[in-house]
Amino acid sequence: MTDAAVKEPPVGIAHFSAIQLPPQQFVRHAAVAGFNSVGLRLHPAFPGAAYYELPQGSRDALEFRTLLDSEGINVFDIEFFIIGPDFNATLVEHIVAAAADIGAKRLSACGDDGDLQRLVGNLTEFCQLAGRYGLAVDVENMGWRTINTYSKAASLVTASGQDNAGVLVDAIHFFRNGGNIDEIKIDIVRHVQLCDVVGPAPKRPEDMMSEAREGRLAPGDGMLGLSELLNKVVGHATISVEVPLVGDIDPLVHLTNLNMKSRKILRPAP
């Protein structure tokens, strides 16, 4: 193993990068592609979105844990929870329990409620629920949600007062919504997702959604300041990649390319 390889941080891959694959197949592909961990979609990110189930204590969950061990892969985060006006943490406890059952560390969420007091309260309750299962919660900003900027996500996390609350910095949402590297608070950013894009930032919500779901590029193939972002967070936050597969590309080819591109920008300069 080279010195550069030793210094490279582990890299995970988000399920959205190949959501067509069920968890077992996704893990096998991720391992072959060279990733160290996976994120799984066990709760829909929006109505009609794909997701999978691995109920706590089920045969599927047991077999999945065995697969993780055999492939040398771990589960880092489970997505995706929208903390909106009608959010009720108790209604997703079975998913939190399932996440803990397969060894996940964090839950990924976004804030989409104009009533800030209620939003803070719901995030607090979610964090407390997660904490009972040994999990943490990360808030991700999205341009079409109430919590649309990094600074708002950081303020929400701080307002919750929960030690297991953090911010998820997704490169596309961070940079496209006015994020500045200097404002990143290392003490609350625990997860960073890499991707890239080209062209001007979309302004309409529907265009933001389209870009996030269909317009992402592999890290280094676009114009985002990923090197500067990584210089800020490596050693403090877990790194993963999220670039949805679009078109008829083979999933393994897609994941392998994402791993190669992410390792390239992570590799220390000689």
C-alpha atoms as a PDB file:
ATOM      1  CA  MET A   1       0.000   0.000   0.000  1.00  0.00           C
ATOM      2  CA  THR A   2       1.349   3.405  -0.937  1.00  0.00           C
ATOM      3  CA  ASP A   3       1.806   6.258   1.511  1.00  0.00           C
ATOM      4  CA  ALA A   4      -0.885   8.196  -0.363  1.00  0.00           C
ATOM      5  CA  ALA A   5      -3.351   5.347   0.072  1.00  0.00           C
ATOM      6  CA  VAL A   6      -2.647   5.226   3.780  1.00  0.00           C
ATOM      7  CA  LYS A   7      -3.401   8.939   4.118  1.00  0.00           C
ATOM      8  CA  GLU A   8      -6.637   8.821   2.133  1.00  0.00           C
ATOM      9  CA  PRO A   9      -9.730   8.929   4.333  1.00  0.00           C
ATOM     10  CA  PRO A  10     -12.373   6.230   3.940  1.00  0.00           C
ATOM     11  CA  VAL A  11     -15.085   7.081   1.427  1.00  0.00           C
ATOM     12  CA  GLY A  12     -18.729   6.047   1.438  1.00  0.00           C
ATOM     13  CA  ILE A  13     -21.366   5.947  -1.265  1.00  0.00           C
ATOM     14  CA  ALA A  14     -24.960   7.149  -0.944  1.00  0.00           C
ATOM     15  CA  HIS A  15     -27.761   4.816  -1.999  1.00  0.00           C
ATOM     16  CA  PHE A  16     -29.200   7.535  -4.241  1.00  0.00           C
ATOM     17  CA  SER A  17     -26.161   7.001  -6.475  1.00  0.00           C
ATOM     18  CA  ALA A  18     -27.704   3.687  -7.567  1.00  0.00           C
ATOM     19  CA  ILE A  19     -31.123   3.610  -5.937  1.00  0.00           C
ATOM     20  CA  GLN A  20     -32.174   1.037  -8.527  1.00  0.00           C
ATOM     21  CA  LEU A  21     -30.192  -1.553  -6.567  1.00  0.00           C
ATOM     22  CA  PRO A  22     -31.660  -3.203  -3.456  1.00  0.00           C
ATOM     23  CA  PRO A  23     -29.452  -2.949  -0.346  1.00  0.00           C
ATOM     24  CA  GLN A  24     -27.759  -6.323  -0.738  1.00  0.00           C
ATOM     25  CA  GLN A  25     -26.762  -5.757  -4.350  1.00  0.00           C
ATOM     26  CA  PHE A  26     -25.799  -2.167  -3.613  1.00  0.00           C
ATOM     27  CA  VAL A  27     -23.391  -3.290  -0.885  1.00  0.00           C
ATOM     28  CA  ARG A  28     -21.784  -5.875  -3.169  1.00  0.00           C
ATOM     29  CA  HIS A  29     -21.305  -3.307  -5.917  1.00  0.00           C
ATOM     30  CA  ALA A  30     -19.983  -0.714  -3.459  1.00  0.00           C
ATOM     31  CA  ALA A  31     -17.403  -3.164  -2.157  1.00  0.00           C
ATOM     32  CA  VAL A  32     -16.208  -4.118  -5.638  1.00  0.00           C
ATOM     33  CA  ALA A  33     -16.060  -0.430  -6.604  1.00  0.00           C
ATOM     34  CA  GLY A  34     -13.760   0.247  -3.647  1.00  0.00           C
ATOM     35  CA  PHE A  35     -15.956   2.116  -1.173  1.00  0.00           C
ATOM     36  CA  ASN A  36     -15.634   1.682   2.581  1.00  0.00           C
ATOM     37  CA  SER A  37     -19.213   2.339   3.638  1.00  0.00           C
ATOM     38  CA  VAL A  38     -22.711   2.864   2.311  1.00  0.00           C
ATOM     39  CA  GLY A  39     -25.695   5.027   3.062  1.00  0.00           C
ATOM     40  CA  LEU A  40     -29.086   3.377   2.620  1.00  0.00           C
ATOM     41  CA  ARG A  41     -32.512   4.739   1.711  1.00  0.00           C
ATOM     42  CA  LEU A  42     -34.913   3.153   4.205  1.00  0.00           C
ATOM     43  CA  HIS A  43     -37.411   6.037   4.152  1.00  0.00           C
ATOM     44  CA  PRO A  44     -38.671   7.894   1.041  1.00  0.00           C
ATOM     45  CA  ALA A  45     -37.133  11.300   0.395  1.00  0.00           C
ATOM     46  CA  PHE A  46     -40.363  12.509  -1.217  1.00  0.00           C
ATOM     47  CA  PRO A  47     -43.731  10.953  -2.115  1.00  0.00           C
ATOM     48  CA  GLY A  48     -43.233   8.153  -4.606  1.00  0.00           C
ATOM     49  CA  ALA A  49     -39.460   7.995  -4.158  1.00  0.00           C
ATOM     50  CA  ALA A  50     -37.801   4.593  -4.078  1.00  0.00           C
ATOM     51  CA  TYR A  51     -36.805   3.124  -0.736  1.00  0.00           C
ATOM     52  CA  TYR A  52     -36.230  -0.279   0.834  1.00  0.00           C
ATOM     53  CA  GLU A  53     -37.137  -2.048   4.062  1.00  0.00           C
ATOM     54  CA  LEU A  54     -34.912  -4.022   6.439  1.00  0.00           C
ATOM     55  CA  PRO A  55     -37.130  -4.430   9.520  1.00  0.00           C
ATOM     56  CA  GLN A  56     -35.411  -4.779  12.876  1.00  0.00           C
ATOM     57  CA  GLY A  57     -34.894  -8.415  13.796  1.00  0.00           C
ATOM     58  CA  SER A  58     -36.010  -9.726  10.412  1.00  0.00           C
ATOM     59  CA  ARG A  59     -34.285 -12.465   8.443  1.00  0.00           C
ATOM     60  CA  ASP A  60     -33.459  -9.887   5.785  1.00  0.00           C
ATOM     61  CA  ALA A  61     -31.712  -7.693   8.367  1.00  0.00           C
ATOM     62  CA  LEU A  62     -29.757 -10.644   9.758  1.00  0.00           C
ATOM     63  CA  GLU A  63     -28.634 -11.725   6.303  1.00  0.00           C
ATOM     64  CA  PHE A  64     -27.759  -8.131   5.490  1.00  0.00           C
ATOM     65  CA  ARG A  65     -25.513  -7.811   8.550  1.00  0.00           C
ATOM     66  CA  THR A  66     -23.774 -11.022   7.543  1.00  0.00           C
ATOM     67  CA  LEU A  67     -23.236  -9.601   4.059  1.00  0.00           C
ATOM     68  CA  LEU A  68     -21.743  -6.407   5.488  1.00  0.00           C
ATOM     69  CA  ASP A  69     -19.239  -8.443   7.472  1.00  0.00           C
ATOM     70  CA  SER A  70     -18.292 -10.614   4.513  1.00  0.00           C
ATOM     71  CA  GLU A  71     -17.801  -7.614   2.214  1.00  0.00           C
ATOM     72  CA  GLY A  72     -15.954  -5.503   4.796  1.00  0.00           C
ATOM     73  CA  ILE A  73     -18.482  -2.679   4.418  1.00  0.00           C
ATOM     74  CA  ASN A  74     -20.337  -0.732   7.102  1.00  0.00           C
ATOM     75  CA  VAL A  75     -23.500   1.361   7.030  1.00  0.00           C
ATOM     76  CA  PHE A  76     -22.876   4.999   7.888  1.00  0.00           C
ATOM     77  CA  ASP A  77     -26.179   6.799   7.409  1.00  0.00           C
ATOM     78  CA  ILE A  78     -29.845   6.123   6.760  1.00  0.00           C
ATOM     79  CA  GLU A  79     -31.984   8.538   4.775  1.00  0.00           C
ATOM     80  CA  PHE A  80     -34.218  10.359   4.341  1.00  0.00           C
ATOM     81  CA  PHE A  81     -36.407  12.144   6.864  1.00  0.00           C
ATOM     82  CA  ILE A  82     -38.293  15.359   6.077  1.00  0.00           C
ATOM     83  CA  ILE A  83     -38.999  17.306   9.250  1.00  0.00           C
ATOM     84  CA  GLY A  84     -42.091  19.139   8.068  1.00  0.00           C
ATOM     85  CA  PRO A  85     -45.167  20.547   9.838  1.00  0.00           C
ATOM     86  CA  ASP A  86     -46.688  17.087  10.338  1.00  0.00           C
ATOM     87  CA  PHE A  87     -43.480  15.310  11.378  1.00  0.00           C
ATOM     88  CA  ASN A  88     -43.884  12.933  14.302  1.00  0.00           C
ATOM     89  CA  ALA A  89     -40.727  11.203  15.493  1.00  0.00           C
ATOM     90  CA  THR A  90     -42.628   8.295  17.025  1.00  0.00           C
ATOM     91  CA  LEU A  91     -44.034   7.369  13.611  1.00  0.00           C
ATOM     92  CA  VAL A  92     -40.544   6.657  12.258  1.00  0.00           C
ATOM     93  CA  GLU A  93     -39.192   4.868  15.325  1.00  0.00           C
ATOM     94  CA  HIS A  94     -39.366   1.516  13.525  1.00  0.00           C
ATOM     95  CA  ILE A  95     -36.996   2.897  10.880  1.00  0.00           C
ATOM     96  CA  VAL A  96     -34.650   4.295  13.522  1.00  0.00           C
ATOM     97  CA  ALA A  97     -34.662   0.875  15.185  1.00  0.00           C
ATOM     98  CA  ALA A  98     -33.960  -0.795  11.840  1.00  0.00           C
ATOM     99  CA  ALA A  99     -31.079   1.606  11.239  1.00  0.00           C
ATOM    100  CA  ALA A 100     -29.495   0.758  14.576  1.00  0.00           C
ATOM    101  CA  ASP A 101     -30.047  -2.951  13.942  1.00  0.00           C
ATOM    102  CA  ILE A 102     -27.799  -2.898  10.862  1.00  0.00           C
ATOM    103  CA  GLY A 103     -25.109  -0.790  12.512  1.00  0.00           C
ATOM    104  CA  ALA A 104     -25.853   2.651  11.072  1.00  0.00           C
ATOM    105  CA  LYS A 105     -24.356   5.663  12.812  1.00  0.00           C
ATOM    106  CA  ARG A 106     -26.403   8.628  11.607  1.00  0.00           C
ATOM    107  CA  LEU A 107     -29.779   9.614  10.173  1.00  0.00           C
ATOM    108  CA  SER A 108     -30.031  12.208   7.400  1.00  0.00           C
ATOM    109  CA  ALA A 109     -32.843  14.763   7.414  1.00  0.00           C
ATOM    110  CA  CYS A 110     -33.945  18.141   6.092  1.00  0.00           C
ATOM    111  CA  GLY A 111     -36.017  20.898   7.677  1.00  0.00           C
ATOM    112  CA  ASP A 112     -39.122  22.036   5.827  1.00  0.00           C
ATOM    113  CA  ASP A 113     -41.374  23.867   8.260  1.00  0.00           C
ATOM    114  CA  GLY A 114     -41.914  27.628   8.338  1.00  0.00           C
ATOM    115  CA  ASP A 115     -42.803  27.477  12.028  1.00  0.00           C
ATOM    116  CA  LEU A 116     -39.266  27.631  13.404  1.00  0.00           C
ATOM    117  CA  GLN A 117     -40.266  26.871  16.979  1.00  0.00           C
ATOM    118  CA  ARG A 118     -42.089  23.723  15.901  1.00  0.00           C
ATOM    119  CA  LEU A 119     -39.209  22.740  13.621  1.00  0.00           C
ATOM    120  CA  VAL A 120     -36.689  23.074  16.442  1.00  0.00           C
ATOM    121  CA  GLY A 121     -38.968  21.062  18.713  1.00  0.00           C
ATOM    122  CA  ASN A 122     -39.412  18.270  16.179  1.00  0.00           C
ATOM    123  CA  LEU A 123     -35.680  18.093  15.467  1.00  0.00           C
ATOM    124  CA  THR A 124     -35.023  17.946  19.197  1.00  0.00           C
ATOM    125  CA  GLU A 125     -37.485  15.072  19.634  1.00  0.00           C
ATOM    126  CA  PHE A 126     -36.002  13.255  16.642  1.00  0.00           C
ATOM    127  CA  CYS A 127     -32.493  13.599  18.056  1.00  0.00           C
ATOM    128  CA  GLN A 128     -33.648  12.331  21.431  1.00  0.00           C
ATOM    129  CA  LEU A 129     -35.307   9.330  19.797  1.00  0.00           C
ATOM    130  CA  ALA A 130     -32.194   8.650  17.728  1.00  0.00           C
ATOM    131  CA  GLY A 131     -30.032   8.968  20.818  1.00  0.00           C
ATOM    132  CA  ARG A 132     -31.920   6.177  22.550  1.00  0.00           C
ATOM    133  CA  TYR A 133     -30.736   3.920  19.733  1.00  0.00           C
ATOM    134  CA  GLY A 134     -27.173   5.226  19.738  1.00  0.00           C
ATOM    135  CA  LEU A 135     -27.673   7.277  16.575  1.00  0.00           C
ATOM    136  CA  ALA A 136     -27.161  10.904  15.566  1.00  0.00           C
ATOM    137  CA  VAL A 137     -29.107  13.168  13.189  1.00  0.00           C
ATOM    138  CA  ASP A 138     -27.675  15.353  10.418  1.00  0.00           C
ATOM    139  CA  VAL A 139     -29.615  18.236   8.859  1.00  0.00           C
ATOM    140  CA  GLU A 140     -29.023  18.899   5.160  1.00  0.00           C
ATOM    141  CA  ASN A 141     -29.974  22.187   3.524  1.00  0.00           C
ATOM    142  CA  MET A 142     -31.805  22.125   0.192  1.00  0.00           C
ATOM    143  CA  GLY A 143     -32.648  25.134  -1.928  1.00  0.00           C
ATOM    144  CA  TRP A 144     -36.354  24.331  -2.223  1.00  0.00           C
ATOM    145  CA  ARG A 145     -36.851  23.584   1.489  1.00  0.00           C
ATOM    146  CA  THR A 146     -37.396  26.000   4.386  1.00  0.00           C
ATOM    147  CA  ILE A 147     -33.884  25.248   5.596  1.00  0.00           C
ATOM    148  CA  ASN A 148     -32.343  26.180   2.268  1.00  0.00           C
ATOM    149  CA  THR A 149     -28.839  27.319   3.234  1.00  0.00           C
ATOM    150  CA  TYR A 150     -25.962  25.939   5.238  1.00  0.00           C
ATOM    151  CA  SER A 151     -26.202  28.814   7.708  1.00  0.00           C
ATOM    152  CA  LYS A 152     -29.854  28.029   8.413  1.00  0.00           C
ATOM    153  CA  ALA A 153     -29.016  24.352   8.900  1.00  0.00           C
ATOM    154  CA  ALA A 154     -26.237  25.258  11.326  1.00  0.00           C
ATOM    155  CA  SER A 155     -28.536  27.618  13.230  1.00  0.00           C
ATOM    156  CA  LEU A 156     -31.234  24.941  13.457  1.00  0.00           C
ATOM    157  CA  VAL A 157     -28.782  22.392  14.810  1.00  0.00           C
ATOM    158  CA  THR A 158     -27.481  24.880  17.365  1.00  0.00           C
ATOM    159  CA  ALA A 159     -31.020  25.820  18.421  1.00  0.00           C
ATOM    160  CA  SER A 160     -31.878  22.171  19.082  1.00  0.00           C
ATOM    161  CA  GLY A 161     -29.201  22.011  21.761  1.00  0.00           C
ATOM    162  CA  GLN A 162     -28.667  18.306  21.079  1.00  0.00           C
ATOM    163  CA  ASP A 163     -25.189  16.822  21.237  1.00  0.00           C
ATOM    164  CA  ASN A 164     -26.117  14.248  18.586  1.00  0.00           C
ATOM    165  CA  ALA A 165     -27.335  16.856  16.072  1.00  0.00           C
ATOM    166  CA  GLY A 166     -25.064  17.799  13.183  1.00  0.00           C
ATOM    167  CA  VAL A 167     -25.017  19.287   9.706  1.00  0.00           C
ATOM    168  CA  LEU A 168     -24.698  17.306   6.496  1.00  0.00           C
ATOM    169  CA  VAL A 169     -22.883  19.337   3.841  1.00  0.00           C
ATOM    170  CA  ASP A 170     -23.948  18.116   0.407  1.00  0.00           C
ATOM    171  CA  ALA A 171     -21.685  19.901  -2.073  1.00  0.00           C
ATOM    172  CA  ILE A 172     -24.420  20.746  -4.565  1.00  0.00           C
ATOM    173  CA  HIS A 173     -26.784  22.179  -1.946  1.00  0.00           C
ATOM    174  CA  PHE A 174     -23.987  23.935  -0.089  1.00  0.00           C
ATOM    175  CA  PHE A 175     -22.423  25.771  -3.024  1.00  0.00           C
ATOM    176  CA  ARG A 176     -25.596  26.319  -5.080  1.00  0.00           C
ATOM    177  CA  ASN A 177     -27.251  28.057  -2.135  1.00  0.00           C
ATOM    178  CA  GLY A 178     -24.549  30.553  -1.227  1.00  0.00           C
ATOM    179  CA  GLY A 179     -22.397  28.434   1.055  1.00  0.00           C
ATOM    180  CA  ASN A 180     -18.977  29.808   1.954  1.00  0.00           C
ATOM    181  CA  ILE A 181     -16.144  27.582   3.133  1.00  0.00           C
ATOM    182  CA  ASP A 182     -15.234  30.048   5.873  1.00  0.00           C
ATOM    183  CA  GLU A 183     -18.641  29.689   7.548  1.00  0.00           C
ATOM    184  CA  ILE A 184     -18.363  25.918   8.018  1.00  0.00           C
ATOM    185  CA  LYS A 185     -18.342  25.018  11.693  1.00  0.00           C
ATOM    186  CA  ILE A 186     -16.143  21.965  12.031  1.00  0.00           C
ATOM    187  CA  ASP A 187     -17.608  21.079  15.413  1.00  0.00           C
ATOM    188  CA  ILE A 188     -21.080  20.421  13.964  1.00  0.00           C
ATOM    189  CA  VAL A 189     -20.330  19.139  10.441  1.00  0.00           C
ATOM    190  CA  ARG A 190     -20.100  15.360  10.666  1.00  0.00           C
ATOM    191  CA  HIS A 191     -20.875  14.285   7.101  1.00  0.00           C
ATOM    192  CA  VAL A 192     -19.915  15.702   3.708  1.00  0.00           C
ATOM    193  CA  GLN A 193     -21.289  14.405   0.407  1.00  0.00           C
ATOM    194  CA  LEU A 194     -19.341  15.005  -2.786  1.00  0.00           C
ATOM    195  CA  CYS A 195     -20.599  15.600  -6.307  1.00  0.00           C
ATOM    196  CA  ASP A 196     -20.054  18.223  -8.979  1.00  0.00           C
ATOM    197  CA  VAL A 197     -22.031  20.367 -11.423  1.00  0.00           C
ATOM    198  CA  VAL A 198     -21.504  22.835 -14.247  1.00  0.00           C
ATOM    199  CA  GLY A 199     -23.292  25.977 -15.364  1.00  0.00           C
ATOM    200  CA  PRO A 200     -25.195  28.681 -13.510  1.00  0.00           C
ATOM    201  CA  ALA A 201     -27.126  27.822 -10.366  1.00  0.00           C
ATOM    202  CA  PRO A 202     -30.831  27.203 -10.979  1.00  0.00           C
ATOM    203  CA  LYS A 203     -33.253  29.638  -9.353  1.00  0.00           C
ATOM    204  CA  ARG A 204     -36.647  27.938  -9.575  1.00  0.00           C
ATOM    205  CA  PRO A 205     -37.402  25.151  -7.070  1.00  0.00           C
ATOM    206  CA  GLU A 206     -38.303  22.693  -9.813  1.00  0.00           C
ATOM    207  CA  ASP A 207     -34.992  23.344 -11.556  1.00  0.00           C
ATOM    208  CA  MET A 208     -33.084  22.935  -8.287  1.00  0.00           C
ATOM    209  CA  MET A 209     -34.747  19.560  -7.767  1.00  0.00           C
ATOM    210  CA  SER A 210     -34.029  18.489 -11.328  1.00  0.00           C
ATOM    211  CA  GLU A 211     -30.347  19.371 -11.025  1.00  0.00           C
ATOM    212  CA  ALA A 212     -29.986  17.617  -7.672  1.00  0.00           C
ATOM    213  CA  ARG A 213     -31.653  14.447  -8.925  1.00  0.00           C
ATOM    214  CA  GLU A 214     -30.492  14.295 -12.537  1.00  0.00           C
ATOM    215  CA  GLY A 215     -27.726  16.845 -13.101  1.00  0.00           C
ATOM    216  CA  ARG A 216     -24.933  15.839 -10.758  1.00  0.00           C
ATOM    217  CA  LEU A 217     -21.491  14.928 -12.054  1.00  0.00           C
ATOM    218  CA  ALA A 218     -18.704  12.858 -10.554  1.00  0.00           C
ATOM    219  CA  PRO A 219     -16.414  14.781  -8.173  1.00  0.00           C
ATOM    220  CA  GLY A 220     -13.866  16.766 -10.157  1.00  0.00           C
ATOM    221  CA  ASP A 221     -15.882  16.773 -13.386  1.00  0.00           C
ATOM    222  CA  GLY A 222     -17.482  20.159 -12.714  1.00  0.00           C
ATOM    223  CA  MET A 223     -16.857  23.569 -11.218  1.00  0.00           C
ATOM    224  CA  LEU A 224     -17.572  23.266  -7.489  1.00  0.00           C
ATOM    225  CA  GLY A 225     -14.835  24.104  -4.985  1.00  0.00           C
ATOM    226  CA  LEU A 226     -14.455  20.554  -3.751  1.00  0.00           C
ATOM    227  CA  SER A 227     -10.729  20.746  -2.973  1.00  0.00           C
ATOM    228  CA  GLU A 228     -11.267  23.754  -0.731  1.00  0.00           C
ATOM    229  CA  LEU A 229     -14.211  22.034   0.940  1.00  0.00           C
ATOM    230  CA  LEU A 230     -12.180  18.901   1.580  1.00  0.00           C
ATOM    231  CA  ASN A 231      -9.245  20.875   2.948  1.00  0.00           C
ATOM    232  CA  LYS A 232     -11.660  22.241   5.539  1.00  0.00           C
ATOM    233  CA  VAL A 233     -13.414  19.037   6.582  1.00  0.00           C
ATOM    234  CA  VAL A 234     -11.116  16.041   6.056  1.00  0.00           C
ATOM    235  CA  GLY A 235     -10.226  14.596   9.413  1.00  0.00           C
ATOM    236  CA  HIS A 236     -13.350  16.055  10.992  1.00  0.00           C
ATOM    237  CA  ALA A 237     -16.236  14.709   8.901  1.00  0.00           C
ATOM    238  CA  THR A 238     -17.060  11.445   7.158  1.00  0.00           C
ATOM    239  CA  ILE A 239     -16.803  11.707   3.363  1.00  0.00           C
ATOM    240  CA  SER A 240     -19.232  10.093   0.952  1.00  0.00           C
ATOM    241  CA  VAL A 241     -20.314  10.517  -2.664  1.00  0.00           C
ATOM    242  CA  GLU A 242     -23.824  11.108  -4.007  1.00  0.00           C
ATOM    243  CA  VAL A 243     -24.278  11.188  -7.773  1.00  0.00           C
ATOM    244  CA  PRO A 244     -27.467   9.517  -9.024  1.00  0.00           C
ATOM    245  CA  LEU A 245     -27.119   7.165 -11.961  1.00  0.00           C
ATOM    246  CA  VAL A 246     -28.845   8.649 -14.999  1.00  0.00           C
ATOM    247  CA  GLY A 247     -29.328   6.743 -18.238  1.00  0.00           C
ATOM    248  CA  ASP A 248     -28.406   3.176 -19.095  1.00  0.00           C
ATOM    249  CA  ILE A 249     -24.923   3.101 -17.541  1.00  0.00           C
ATOM    250  CA  ASP A 250     -24.087  -0.127 -15.738  1.00  0.00           C
ATOM    251  CA  PRO A 251     -24.360   0.521 -11.967  1.00  0.00           C
ATOM    252  CA  LEU A 252     -21.007  -1.071 -11.179  1.00  0.00           C
ATOM    253  CA  VAL A 253     -19.274   1.005 -13.849  1.00  0.00           C
ATOM    254  CA  HIS A 254     -20.951   4.109 -12.439  1.00  0.00           C
ATOM    255  CA  LEU A 255     -19.931   3.387  -8.841  1.00  0.00           C
ATOM    256  CA  THR A 256     -16.384   2.465  -9.823  1.00  0.00           C
ATOM    257  CA  ASN A 257     -16.011   5.760 -11.676  1.00  0.00           C
ATOM    258  CA  LEU A 258     -17.338   7.690  -8.673  1.00  0.00           C
ATOM    259  CA  ASN A 259     -14.856   6.005  -6.371  1.00  0.00           C
ATOM    260  CA  MET A 260     -11.959   6.674  -8.725  1.00  0.00           C
ATOM    261  CA  LYS A 261     -12.888  10.339  -9.183  1.00  0.00           C
ATOM    262  CA  SER A 262     -13.410  10.956  -5.467  1.00  0.00           C
ATOM    263  CA  ARG A 263     -10.112   9.279  -4.544  1.00  0.00           C
ATOM    264  CA  LYS A 264      -8.349  11.439  -7.095  1.00  0.00           C
ATOM    265  CA  ILE A 265      -9.421  14.718  -5.499  1.00  0.00           C
ATOM    266  CA  LEU A 266      -8.869  13.340  -1.999  1.00  0.00           C
ATOM    267  CA  ARG A 267      -5.332  12.182  -2.720  1.00  0.00           C
ATOM    268  CA  PRO A 268      -2.749  14.460  -1.092  1.00  0.00           C
ATOM    269  CA  ALA A 269      -0.533  16.375  -3.487  1.00  0.00           C
ATOM    270  CA  PRO A 270       2.967  14.806  -3.785  1.00  0.00           C
END
